Protein backbone atom coordinates (compact mmCIF):
# COMPACT_ATOMS: atom_id res chain seq x y z
CA MET A 1 3.90 18.62 -18.80
CA ARG A 2 3.40 18.69 -14.85
CA ASP A 3 6.74 18.00 -12.92
CA CYS A 4 8.40 17.19 -16.05
CA PHE A 5 6.98 13.69 -16.11
CA THR A 6 9.01 13.00 -13.72
CA CYS A 7 7.93 10.67 -10.33
CA GLN A 8 7.60 13.23 -7.49
CA ILE A 9 8.85 10.07 -5.09
CA CYS A 10 11.06 7.59 -6.99
CA GLY A 11 12.10 9.79 -10.29
CA ALA A 12 10.96 7.42 -12.98
CA ARG A 13 8.69 8.53 -15.66
CA ALA A 14 5.03 9.91 -14.04
CA GLN A 15 2.38 8.01 -16.27
CA GLU A 16 -0.24 9.54 -13.79
CA VAL A 17 -1.50 12.71 -11.76
CA HIS A 18 -2.42 11.88 -8.14
CA HIS A 19 -4.66 14.13 -6.62
CA ILE A 20 -2.82 14.21 -2.76
CA VAL A 21 -6.52 15.44 -1.73
CA GLU A 22 -8.36 12.25 -2.73
CA LEU A 23 -11.96 12.82 -5.15
CA THR A 24 -14.92 12.28 -3.43
CA ALA A 25 -19.06 12.79 -4.55
CA GLU A 26 -18.45 15.64 -2.43
CA ASN A 27 -15.75 17.68 -3.62
CA ILE A 28 -15.46 16.29 -7.10
CA HIS A 29 -17.18 19.69 -8.75
CA ASP A 30 -14.82 22.26 -6.15
CA ARG A 31 -11.75 23.31 -8.46
CA ASN A 32 -10.06 23.98 -5.54
CA VAL A 33 -10.02 20.10 -5.03
CA SER A 34 -10.07 18.56 -8.69
CA LEU A 35 -8.45 21.34 -10.47
CA ASN A 36 -5.65 23.00 -8.62
CA LEU A 37 -2.31 22.67 -9.65
CA ASN A 38 -1.06 22.71 -6.03
CA ASN A 39 -3.21 19.46 -5.10
CA LEU A 40 -1.93 16.94 -7.98
CA GLN A 41 1.64 15.20 -7.97
CA SER A 42 2.85 13.03 -11.23
CA LEU A 43 3.78 10.33 -10.25
CA CYS A 44 4.70 6.06 -11.75
CA HIS A 45 1.99 4.03 -11.93
CA SER A 46 4.15 2.00 -9.13
CA CYS A 47 4.43 5.14 -6.67
CA HIS A 48 0.27 5.49 -7.55
CA LYS A 49 -0.99 2.40 -6.42
CA ALA A 50 1.34 2.61 -3.46
CA ILE A 51 -0.49 5.34 -2.49
CA THR A 52 -3.71 4.93 -2.79
CA ALA A 53 -3.36 1.95 -1.22
CA GLU A 54 -1.43 3.53 1.74
CA GLU A 55 -4.31 5.90 1.55
CA HIS A 56 -6.52 3.15 1.83
CA GLY A 57 -5.60 1.52 4.52
CA LEU A 58 -4.20 -1.72 2.33
CA LYS A 59 -0.90 -3.17 1.13
CA HIS A 60 -0.11 -4.39 -2.42
CA LEU A 61 2.67 -6.86 -1.56
CA ASP A 62 3.80 -9.64 -3.87
CA CYS A 63 0.16 -10.89 -5.10
CA ASP A 64 -1.78 -11.65 -7.68
CA PRO A 65 -3.88 -8.69 -9.96
CA GLY A 66 -7.23 -8.87 -7.79
CA TYR A 67 -6.17 -9.32 -4.55
CA TYR A 68 -4.73 -6.93 -1.55
CA PHE A 69 -3.56 -6.88 2.16
CA ASP A 70 -5.48 -5.62 3.83
CA SER A 71 -4.67 -3.48 7.05
CA THR A 72 -4.51 -6.70 9.28
CA GLY A 73 -2.57 -8.36 6.67
CA GLN A 74 -5.12 -10.42 5.54
CA LEU A 75 -4.82 -11.49 1.64
CA GLN A 76 -8.14 -10.38 0.21
CA ARG A 77 -9.88 -10.22 -3.50
CA TYR A 78 -11.27 -7.07 -5.01
CA GLU A 79 -15.07 -7.35 -5.27
CA HIS A 80 -15.72 -6.30 -8.99
CA GLY A 81 -11.64 -4.90 -9.74
CA ILE A 82 -12.78 -2.40 -7.26
CA HIS A 83 -10.98 -2.17 -3.75
CA PRO A 84 -13.23 -1.17 -1.09
CA ARG A 85 -12.60 2.17 0.85
CA LYS A 86 -12.27 2.77 4.56
CA PRO A 87 -14.90 4.08 6.65
């Protein structure tokens, strides 16, 4: 019942939980990151996708699934359904 099932960005019905501090291989077992309620935010799918893309320097605009716009605006194809991470 996190955030009363309300997206904390647009107010739509939340379907996903976002980790504000991104989970990584280094911090996944740190309960202060992975399970801390202050590190979680309820979001709708669209807002979660947009935030995740922004965090990774990607822009998801009007393009087919499996493609994305990189930080320079060039259309790129996901490799194996996974977007590249920023170094």
